[in-house]
Amino acid sequence: MNAPAEFSASITDIQLESRLDDEVRWRVALSNTAFQPGHTGVLEAISRSGTRIQIPVLRVLLDTSGDLWHIVEKPLAAGTAVLGRIHQPAATTKMK
């Protein structure tokens, strides 16, 4: 079964994932998610000024506690409402 391509959630936690020179990665937890390990996509939020912000989800990790973390390059504050969109993989050939 395919995961839904779009869903609504809110940020419940954010942690620094890594920092290497100017490259910073954050891990974001969501109130609910349709992302699974191996997925990429985008989280979309509306800033206080009303600007639409799109933050790419670079990868999704499952930690030893069973929590899913969405790896992003820009942090969003806990409590921020987001619209998640999963990038659908290219069509695959059906096995016969």
PDB file of N, CA and C in Angstrom:
ATOM      1  N   MET A   1       0.850  -1.180   0.000  1.00  0.00           N
ATOM      2  CA  MET A   1       0.000   0.000   0.000  1.00  0.00           C
ATOM      3  C   MET A   1       0.895   1.244   0.000  1.00  0.00           C
ATOM      4  N   ASN A   2       0.542   2.232  -0.814  1.00  0.00           N
ATOM      5  CA  ASN A   2       1.314   3.464  -0.885  1.00  0.00           C
ATOM      6  C   ASN A   2       0.914   4.414   0.222  1.00  0.00           C
ATOM      7  N   ALA A   3       1.890   5.144   0.759  1.00  0.00           N
ATOM      8  CA  ALA A   3       1.616   6.151   1.780  1.00  0.00           C
ATOM      9  C   ALA A   3       0.930   7.342   1.124  1.00  0.00           C
ATOM     10  N   PRO A   4       0.088   8.064   1.867  1.00  0.00           N
ATOM     11  CA  PRO A   4      -0.510   9.266   1.285  1.00  0.00           C
ATOM     12  C   PRO A   4       0.587  10.252   0.916  1.00  0.00           C
ATOM     13  N   ALA A   5       0.385  10.985  -0.154  1.00  0.00           N
ATOM     14  CA  ALA A   5       1.408  11.915  -0.635  1.00  0.00           C
ATOM     15  C   ALA A   5       1.444  13.200   0.182  1.00  0.00           C
ATOM     16  N   GLU A   6       0.379  13.487   0.951  1.00  0.00           N
ATOM     17  CA  GLU A   6       0.293  14.750   1.674  1.00  0.00           C
ATOM     18  C   GLU A   6      -0.419  14.537   3.008  1.00  0.00           C
ATOM     19  N   PHE A   7       0.037  15.238   4.048  1.00  0.00           N
ATOM     20  CA  PHE A   7      -0.578  15.118   5.377  1.00  0.00           C
ATOM     21  C   PHE A   7      -0.284  16.375   6.190  1.00  0.00           C
ATOM     22  N   SER A   8      -1.097  16.623   7.217  1.00  0.00           N
ATOM     23  CA  SER A   8      -0.899  17.752   8.128  1.00  0.00           C
ATOM     24  C   SER A   8      -0.365  17.241   9.456  1.00  0.00           C
ATOM     25  N   ALA A   9       0.513  18.028  10.077  1.00  0.00           N
ATOM     26  CA  ALA A   9       1.102  17.665  11.368  1.00  0.00           C
ATOM     27  C   ALA A   9       1.627  18.928  12.034  1.00  0.00           C
ATOM     28  N   SER A  10       2.222  18.757  13.206  1.00  0.00           N
ATOM     29  CA  SER A  10       2.930  19.858  13.859  1.00  0.00           C
ATOM     30  C   SER A  10       4.267  19.337  14.373  1.00  0.00           C
ATOM     31  N   ILE A  11       5.223  20.254  14.495  1.00  0.00           N
ATOM     32  CA  ILE A  11       6.556  19.912  14.994  1.00  0.00           C
ATOM     33  C   ILE A  11       6.434  19.647  16.498  1.00  0.00           C
ATOM     34  N   THR A  12       6.909  18.493  16.957  1.00  0.00           N
ATOM     35  CA  THR A  12       6.861  18.182  18.386  1.00  0.00           C
ATOM     36  C   THR A  12       8.237  18.266  19.037  1.00  0.00           C
ATOM     37  N   ASP A  13       9.303  18.126  18.250  1.00  0.00           N
ATOM     38  CA  ASP A  13      10.656  18.183  18.810  1.00  0.00           C
ATOM     39  C   ASP A  13      11.625  18.497  17.684  1.00  0.00           C
ATOM     40  N   ILE A  14      12.714  19.154  18.024  1.00  0.00           N
ATOM     41  CA  ILE A  14      13.782  19.424  17.059  1.00  0.00           C
ATOM     42  C   ILE A  14      15.110  19.314  17.778  1.00  0.00           C
ATOM     43  N   GLN A  15      16.068  18.667  17.129  1.00  0.00           N
ATOM     44  CA  GLN A  15      17.399  18.470  17.699  1.00  0.00           C
ATOM     45  C   GLN A  15      18.445  18.682  16.612  1.00  0.00           C
ATOM     46  N   LEU A  16      19.620  19.138  17.022  1.00  0.00           N
ATOM     47  CA  LEU A  16      20.732  19.257  16.094  1.00  0.00           C
ATOM     48  C   LEU A  16      21.178  17.850  15.712  1.00  0.00           C
ATOM     49  N   GLU A  17      21.218  17.566  14.425  1.00  0.00           N
ATOM     50  CA  GLU A  17      21.653  16.262  13.917  1.00  0.00           C
ATOM     51  C   GLU A  17      23.162  16.267  13.695  1.00  0.00           C
ATOM     52  N   SER A  18      23.649  17.281  12.952  1.00  0.00           N
ATOM     53  CA  SER A  18      25.078  17.366  12.667  1.00  0.00           C
ATOM     54  C   SER A  18      25.450  18.777  12.231  1.00  0.00           C
ATOM     55  N   ARG A  19      26.719  19.083  12.387  1.00  0.00           N
ATOM     56  CA  ARG A  19      27.250  20.369  11.943  1.00  0.00           C
ATOM     57  C   ARG A  19      28.641  20.101  11.391  1.00  0.00           C
ATOM     58  N   LEU A  20      28.839  20.452  10.127  1.00  0.00           N
ATOM     59  CA  LEU A  20      30.134  20.286   9.484  1.00  0.00           C
ATOM     60  C   LEU A  20      30.405  21.549   8.685  1.00  0.00           C
ATOM     61  N   ASP A  21      31.336  22.369   9.159  1.00  0.00           N
ATOM     62  CA  ASP A  21      31.609  23.681   8.568  1.00  0.00           C
ATOM     63  C   ASP A  21      30.301  24.478   8.540  1.00  0.00           C
ATOM     64  N   ASP A  22      29.852  24.891   7.353  1.00  0.00           N
ATOM     65  CA  ASP A  22      28.623  25.679   7.233  1.00  0.00           C
ATOM     66  C   ASP A  22      27.387  24.811   7.014  1.00  0.00           C
ATOM     67  N   GLU A  23      27.550  23.509   6.961  1.00  0.00           N
ATOM     68  CA  GLU A  23      26.433  22.606   6.708  1.00  0.00           C
ATOM     69  C   GLU A  23      25.851  22.097   8.025  1.00  0.00           C
ATOM     70  N   VAL A  24      24.601  22.454   8.272  1.00  0.00           N
ATOM     71  CA  VAL A  24      23.921  22.068   9.510  1.00  0.00           C
ATOM     72  C   VAL A  24      22.704  21.236   9.142  1.00  0.00           C
ATOM     73  N   ARG A  25      22.492  20.162   9.874  1.00  0.00           N
ATOM     74  CA  ARG A  25      21.327  19.299   9.684  1.00  0.00           C
ATOM     75  C   ARG A  25      20.579  19.211  11.007  1.00  0.00           C
ATOM     76  N   TRP A  26      19.259  19.234  10.930  1.00  0.00           N
ATOM     77  CA  TRP A  26      18.391  19.141  12.095  1.00  0.00           C
ATOM     78  C   TRP A  26      17.533  17.903  11.976  1.00  0.00           C
ATOM     79  N   ARG A  27      17.190  17.316  13.118  1.00  0.00           N
ATOM     80  CA  ARG A  27      16.221  16.217  13.128  1.00  0.00           C
ATOM     81  C   ARG A  27      14.947  16.742  13.755  1.00  0.00           C
ATOM     82  N   VAL A  28      13.835  16.514  13.049  1.00  0.00           N
ATOM     83  CA  VAL A  28      12.539  17.042  13.439  1.00  0.00           C
ATOM     84  C   VAL A  28      11.579  15.881  13.666  1.00  0.00           C
ATOM     85  N   ALA A  29      10.868  15.911  14.785  1.00  0.00           N
ATOM     86  CA  ALA A  29       9.806  14.934  15.059  1.00  0.00           C
ATOM     87  C   ALA A  29       8.468  15.617  14.800  1.00  0.00           C
ATOM     88  N   LEU A  30       7.519  14.852  14.266  1.00  0.00           N
ATOM     89  CA  LEU A  30       6.196  15.374  13.944  1.00  0.00           C
ATOM     90  C   LEU A  30       5.127  14.684  14.776  1.00  0.00           C
ATOM     91  N   SER A  31       3.993  15.366  14.964  1.00  0.00           N
ATOM     92  CA  SER A  31       2.875  14.808  15.728  1.00  0.00           C
ATOM     93  C   SER A  31       2.314  13.560  15.059  1.00  0.00           C
ATOM     94  N   ASN A  32       2.402  13.506  13.754  1.00  0.00           N
ATOM     95  CA  ASN A  32       2.067  12.314  12.971  1.00  0.00           C
ATOM     96  C   ASN A  32       2.786  12.462  11.643  1.00  0.00           C
ATOM     97  N   THR A  33       2.963  11.368  10.940  1.00  0.00           N
ATOM     98  CA  THR A  33       3.699  11.438   9.683  1.00  0.00           C
ATOM     99  C   THR A  33       3.304  10.297   8.763  1.00  0.00           C
ATOM    100  N   ALA A  34       3.423  10.535   7.479  1.00  0.00           N
ATOM    101  CA  ALA A  34       3.256   9.492   6.478  1.00  0.00           C
ATOM    102  C   ALA A  34       4.624   9.110   5.905  1.00  0.00           C
ATOM    103  N   PHE A  35       5.680   9.847   6.304  1.00  0.00           N
ATOM    104  CA  PHE A  35       7.036   9.518   5.873  1.00  0.00           C
ATOM    105  C   PHE A  35       7.479   8.203   6.510  1.00  0.00           C
ATOM    106  N   GLN A  36       8.311   7.485   5.801  1.00  0.00           N
ATOM    107  CA  GLN A  36       8.944   6.264   6.285  1.00  0.00           C
ATOM    108  C   GLN A  36      10.425   6.336   5.937  1.00  0.00           C
ATOM    109  N   PRO A  37      11.281   5.552   6.622  1.00  0.00           N
ATOM    110  CA  PRO A  37      12.693   5.545   6.237  1.00  0.00           C
ATOM    111  C   PRO A  37      12.831   5.298   4.736  1.00  0.00           C
ATOM    112  N   GLY A  38      13.698   6.074   4.110  1.00  0.00           N
ATOM    113  CA  GLY A  38      13.903   5.971   2.673  1.00  0.00           C
ATOM    114  C   GLY A  38      13.142   7.021   1.883  1.00  0.00           C
ATOM    115  N   HIS A  39      12.134   7.642   2.489  1.00  0.00           N
ATOM    116  CA  HIS A  39      11.378   8.697   1.818  1.00  0.00           C
ATOM    117  C   HIS A  39      12.135  10.022   1.852  1.00  0.00           C
ATOM    118  N   THR A  40      11.857  10.853   0.873  1.00  0.00           N
ATOM    119  CA  THR A  40      12.253  12.261   0.870  1.00  0.00           C
ATOM    120  C   THR A  40      10.994  13.057   0.574  1.00  0.00           C
ATOM    121  N   GLY A  41      11.082  14.359   0.740  1.00  0.00           N
ATOM    122  CA  GLY A  41       9.920  15.189   0.468  1.00  0.00           C
ATOM    123  C   GLY A  41      10.136  16.590   0.959  1.00  0.00           C
ATOM    124  N   VAL A  42       9.052  17.199   1.442  1.00  0.00           N
ATOM    125  CA  VAL A  42       9.129  18.589   1.879  1.00  0.00           C
ATOM    126  C   VAL A  42       8.151  18.813   3.034  1.00  0.00           C
ATOM    127  N   LEU A  43       8.539  19.701   3.939  1.00  0.00           N
ATOM    128  CA  LEU A  43       7.644  20.212   4.969  1.00  0.00           C
ATOM    129  C   LEU A  43       7.370  21.662   4.619  1.00  0.00           C
ATOM    130  N   GLU A  44       6.101  22.035   4.602  1.00  0.00           N
ATOM    131  CA  GLU A  44       5.718  23.397   4.258  1.00  0.00           C
ATOM    132  C   GLU A  44       5.050  24.042   5.469  1.00  0.00           C
ATOM    133  N   ALA A  45       5.478  25.251   5.769  1.00  0.00           N
ATOM    134  CA  ALA A  45       4.924  25.999   6.897  1.00  0.00           C
ATOM    135  C   ALA A  45       4.661  27.434   6.450  1.00  0.00           C
ATOM    136  N   ILE A  46       3.883  28.145   7.238  1.00  0.00           N
ATOM    137  CA  ILE A  46       3.614  29.562   6.977  1.00  0.00           C
ATOM    138  C   ILE A  46       4.304  30.366   8.080  1.00  0.00           C
ATOM    139  N   SER A  47       5.170  31.310   7.682  1.00  0.00           N
ATOM    140  CA  SER A  47       5.880  32.136   8.671  1.00  0.00           C
ATOM    141  C   SER A  47       4.925  33.143   9.300  1.00  0.00           C
ATOM    142  N   ARG A  48       5.379  33.796  10.355  1.00  0.00           N
ATOM    143  CA  ARG A  48       4.560  34.821  11.026  1.00  0.00           C
ATOM    144  C   ARG A  48       4.176  35.948  10.075  1.00  0.00           C
ATOM    145  N   SER A  49       5.041  36.213   9.087  1.00  0.00           N
ATOM    146  CA  SER A  49       4.755  37.281   8.120  1.00  0.00           C
ATOM    147  C   SER A  49       3.815  36.813   7.010  1.00  0.00           C
ATOM    148  N   GLY A  50       3.479  35.521   7.018  1.00  0.00           N
ATOM    149  CA  GLY A  50       2.577  34.988   5.999  1.00  0.00           C
ATOM    150  C   GLY A  50       3.280  34.370   4.811  1.00  0.00           C
ATOM    151  N   THR A  51       4.607  34.346   4.849  1.00  0.00           N
ATOM    152  CA  THR A  51       5.380  33.758   3.759  1.00  0.00           C
ATOM    153  C   THR A  51       5.354  32.237   3.860  1.00  0.00           C
ATOM    154  N   ARG A  52       5.158  31.583   2.736  1.00  0.00           N
ATOM    155  CA  ARG A  52       5.181  30.124   2.686  1.00  0.00           C
ATOM    156  C   ARG A  52       6.631  29.649   2.654  1.00  0.00           C
ATOM    157  N   ILE A  53       6.974  28.754   3.564  1.00  0.00           N
ATOM    158  CA  ILE A  53       8.339  28.231   3.676  1.00  0.00           C
ATOM    159  C   ILE A  53       8.314  26.754   3.312  1.00  0.00           C
ATOM    160  N   GLN A  54       9.170  26.344   2.399  1.00  0.00           N
ATOM    161  CA  GLN A  54       9.295  24.932   2.045  1.00  0.00           C
ATOM    162  C   GLN A  54      10.675  24.441   2.462  1.00  0.00           C
ATOM    163  N   ILE A  55      10.685  23.414   3.292  1.00  0.00           N
ATOM    164  CA  ILE A  55      11.936  22.861   3.802  1.00  0.00           C
ATOM    165  C   ILE A  55      12.053  21.417   3.337  1.00  0.00           C
ATOM    166  N   PRO A  56      13.067  21.119   2.527  1.00  0.00           N
ATOM    167  CA  PRO A  56      13.227  19.748   2.047  1.00  0.00           C
ATOM    168  C   PRO A  56      13.515  18.760   3.182  1.00  0.00           C
ATOM    169  N   VAL A  57      12.875  17.610   3.125  1.00  0.00           N
ATOM    170  CA  VAL A  57      13.188  16.483   4.009  1.00  0.00           C
ATOM    171  C   VAL A  57      14.222  15.657   3.252  1.00  0.00           C
ATOM    172  N   LEU A  58      15.449  15.653   3.757  1.00  0.00           N
ATOM    173  CA  LEU A  58      16.554  15.000   3.064  1.00  0.00           C
ATOM    174  C   LEU A  58      16.535  13.490   3.228  1.00  0.00           C
ATOM    175  N   ARG A  59      16.106  13.053   4.407  1.00  0.00           N
ATOM    176  CA  ARG A  59      15.962  11.622   4.685  1.00  0.00           C
ATOM    177  C   ARG A  59      15.154  11.460   5.963  1.00  0.00           C
ATOM    178  N   VAL A  60      14.744  10.243   6.223  1.00  0.00           N
ATOM    179  CA  VAL A  60      13.956   9.926   7.416  1.00  0.00           C
ATOM    180  C   VAL A  60      14.652   8.785   8.136  1.00  0.00           C
ATOM    181  N   LEU A  61      14.857   8.948   9.452  1.00  0.00           N
ATOM    182  CA  LEU A  61      15.552   7.949  10.256  1.00  0.00           C
ATOM    183  C   LEU A  61      14.624   7.370  11.309  1.00  0.00           C
ATOM    184  N   LEU A  62      14.784   6.106  11.588  1.00  0.00           N
ATOM    185  CA  LEU A  62      14.087   5.437  12.680  1.00  0.00           C
ATOM    186  C   LEU A  62      15.124   5.186  13.764  1.00  0.00           C
ATOM    187  N   ASP A  63      14.926   5.772  14.966  1.00  0.00           N
ATOM    188  CA  ASP A  63      15.925   5.590  16.027  1.00  0.00           C
ATOM    189  C   ASP A  63      15.649   4.309  16.813  1.00  0.00           C
ATOM    190  N   THR A  64      16.512   4.017  17.773  1.00  0.00           N
ATOM    191  CA  THR A  64      16.405   2.770  18.539  1.00  0.00           C
ATOM    192  C   THR A  64      15.154   2.718  19.408  1.00  0.00           C
ATOM    193  N   SER A  65      14.527   3.879  19.669  1.00  0.00           N
ATOM    194  CA  SER A  65      13.286   3.920  20.440  1.00  0.00           C
ATOM    195  C   SER A  65      12.050   3.736  19.559  1.00  0.00           C
ATOM    196  N   GLY A  66      12.270   3.670  18.237  1.00  0.00           N
ATOM    197  CA  GLY A  66      11.157   3.527  17.306  1.00  0.00           C
ATOM    198  C   GLY A  66      10.577   4.851  16.838  1.00  0.00           C
ATOM    199  N   ASP A  67      11.245   5.965  17.181  1.00  0.00           N
ATOM    200  CA  ASP A  67      10.776   7.284  16.754  1.00  0.00           C
ATOM    201  C   ASP A  67      11.300   7.611  15.363  1.00  0.00           C
ATOM    202  N   LEU A  68      10.448   8.233  14.542  1.00  0.00           N
ATOM    203  CA  LEU A  68      10.862   8.683  13.209  1.00  0.00           C
ATOM    204  C   LEU A  68      11.339  10.124  13.287  1.00  0.00           C
ATOM    205  N   TRP A  69      12.496  10.387  12.705  1.00  0.00           N
ATOM    206  CA  TRP A  69      13.060  11.730  12.650  1.00  0.00           C
ATOM    207  C   TRP A  69      13.209  12.135  11.194  1.00  0.00           C
ATOM    208  N   HIS A  70      12.805  13.350  10.871  1.00  0.00           N
ATOM    209  CA  HIS A  70      12.867  13.909   9.533  1.00  0.00           C
ATOM    210  C   HIS A  70      14.090  14.820   9.492  1.00  0.00           C
ATOM    211  N   ILE A  71      15.051  14.534   8.645  1.00  0.00           N
ATOM    212  CA  ILE A  71      16.299  15.295   8.592  1.00  0.00           C
ATOM    213  C   ILE A  71      16.131  16.449   7.608  1.00  0.00           C
ATOM    214  N   VAL A  72      16.345  17.678   8.118  1.00  0.00           N
ATOM    215  CA  VAL A  72      16.163  18.903   7.335  1.00  0.00           C
ATOM    216  C   VAL A  72      17.364  19.828   7.532  1.00  0.00           C
ATOM    217  N   GLU A  73      17.499  20.836   6.654  1.00  0.00           N
ATOM    218  CA  GLU A  73      18.601  21.795   6.761  1.00  0.00           C
ATOM    219  C   GLU A  73      18.234  23.063   7.520  1.00  0.00           C
ATOM    220  N   LYS A  74      16.939  23.309   7.710  1.00  0.00           N
ATOM    221  CA  LYS A  74      16.495  24.519   8.409  1.00  0.00           C
ATOM    222  C   LYS A  74      15.575  24.128   9.549  1.00  0.00           C
ATOM    223  N   PRO A  75      15.800  24.709  10.727  1.00  0.00           N
ATOM    224  CA  PRO A  75      14.958  24.357  11.873  1.00  0.00           C
ATOM    225  C   PRO A  75      13.598  25.046  11.835  1.00  0.00           C
ATOM    226  N   LEU A  76      12.608  24.364  12.351  1.00  0.00           N
ATOM    227  CA  LEU A  76      11.279  24.927  12.592  1.00  0.00           C
ATOM    228  C   LEU A  76      10.999  24.764  14.075  1.00  0.00           C
ATOM    229  N   ALA A  77      10.368  25.753  14.683  1.00  0.00           N
ATOM    230  CA  ALA A  77      10.091  25.714  16.124  1.00  0.00           C
ATOM    231  C   ALA A  77       9.050  24.653  16.461  1.00  0.00           C
ATOM    232  N   ALA A  78       9.209  24.044  17.642  1.00  0.00           N
ATOM    233  CA  ALA A  78       8.203  23.106  18.141  1.00  0.00           C
ATOM    234  C   ALA A  78       6.859  23.822  18.182  1.00  0.00           C
ATOM    235  N   GLY A  79       5.811  23.127  17.775  1.00  0.00           N
ATOM    236  CA  GLY A  79       4.475  23.696  17.725  1.00  0.00           C
ATOM    237  C   GLY A  79       4.086  24.237  16.357  1.00  0.00           C
ATOM    238  N   THR A  80       5.061  24.387  15.461  1.00  0.00           N
ATOM    239  CA  THR A  80       4.773  24.889  14.117  1.00  0.00           C
ATOM    240  C   THR A  80       3.923  23.888  13.347  1.00  0.00           C
ATOM    241  N   ALA A  81       2.840  24.364  12.747  1.00  0.00           N
ATOM    242  CA  ALA A  81       2.002  23.516  11.894  1.00  0.00           C
ATOM    243  C   ALA A  81       2.684  23.367  10.532  1.00  0.00           C
ATOM    244  N   VAL A  82       2.690  22.147  10.008  1.00  0.00           N
ATOM    245  CA  VAL A  82       3.313  21.890   8.714  1.00  0.00           C
ATOM    246  C   VAL A  82       2.393  21.037   7.843  1.00  0.00           C
ATOM    247  N   LEU A  83       2.621  21.145   6.556  1.00  0.00           N
ATOM    248  CA  LEU A  83       2.016  20.256   5.581  1.00  0.00           C
ATOM    249  C   LEU A  83       3.165  19.424   5.037  1.00  0.00           C
ATOM    250  N   GLY A  84       3.092  18.125   5.184  1.00  0.00           N
ATOM    251  CA  GLY A  84       4.146  17.242   4.690  1.00  0.00           C
ATOM    252  C   GLY A  84       3.775  16.696   3.322  1.00  0.00           C
ATOM    253  N   ARG A  85       4.748  16.680   2.437  1.00  0.00           N
ATOM    254  CA  ARG A  85       4.551  16.106   1.105  1.00  0.00           C
ATOM    255  C   ARG A  85       5.677  15.126   0.827  1.00  0.00           C
ATOM    256  N   ILE A  86       5.304  13.919   0.501  1.00  0.00           N
ATOM    257  CA  ILE A  86       6.285  12.889   0.177  1.00  0.00           C
ATOM    258  C   ILE A  86       6.539  12.904  -1.319  1.00  0.00           C
ATOM    259  N   HIS A  87       7.817  12.877  -1.688  1.00  0.00           N
ATOM    260  CA  HIS A  87       8.158  12.743  -3.102  1.00  0.00           C
ATOM    261  C   HIS A  87       7.914  11.304  -3.494  1.00  0.00           C
ATOM    262  N   GLN A  88       7.094  11.114  -4.471  1.00  0.00           N
ATOM    263  CA  GLN A  88       6.799   9.764  -4.936  1.00  0.00           C
ATOM    264  C   GLN A  88       7.953   9.274  -5.794  1.00  0.00           C
ATOM    265  N   PRO A  89       8.402   8.031  -5.562  1.00  0.00           N
ATOM    266  CA  PRO A  89       9.487   7.501  -6.382  1.00  0.00           C
ATOM    267  C   PRO A  89       9.031   7.368  -7.826  1.00  0.00           C
ATOM    268  N   ALA A  90       9.989   7.376  -8.729  1.00  0.00           N
ATOM    269  CA  ALA A  90       9.677   7.192 -10.139  1.00  0.00           C
ATOM    270  C   ALA A  90       8.955   5.856 -10.325  1.00  0.00           C
ATOM    271  N   ALA A  91       8.145   5.796 -11.326  1.00  0.00           N
ATOM    272  CA  ALA A  91       7.388   4.558 -11.587  1.00  0.00           C
ATOM    273  C   ALA A  91       8.341   3.387 -11.716  1.00  0.00           C
ATOM    274  N   THR A  92       7.979   2.299 -11.101  1.00  0.00           N
ATOM    275  CA  THR A  92       8.813   1.100 -11.169  1.00  0.00           C
ATOM    276  C   THR A  92       8.134   0.059 -12.032  1.00  0.00           C
ATOM    277  N   THR A  93       8.924  -0.790 -12.600  1.00  0.00           N
ATOM    278  CA  THR A  93       8.401  -1.853 -13.428  1.00  0.00           C
ATOM    279  C   THR A  93       7.824  -2.940 -12.540  1.00  0.00           C
ATOM    280  N   LYS A  94       6.629  -3.387 -12.851  1.00  0.00           N
ATOM    281  CA  LYS A  94       6.013  -4.453 -12.070  1.00  0.00           C
ATOM    282  C   LYS A  94       6.714  -5.771 -12.355  1.00  0.00           C
ATOM    283  N   MET A  95       6.935  -6.524 -11.290  1.00  0.00           N
ATOM    284  CA  MET A  95       7.567  -7.825 -11.448  1.00  0.00           C
ATOM    285  C   MET A  95       6.509  -8.820 -11.896  1.00  0.00           C
ATOM    286  N   LYS A  96       6.884  -9.700 -12.802  1.00  0.00           N
ATOM    287  CA  LYS A  96       5.955 -10.731 -13.290  1.00  0.00           C
ATOM    288  C   LYS A  96       6.313 -12.070 -12.734  1.00  0.00           C
TER     289      LYS A  96
END
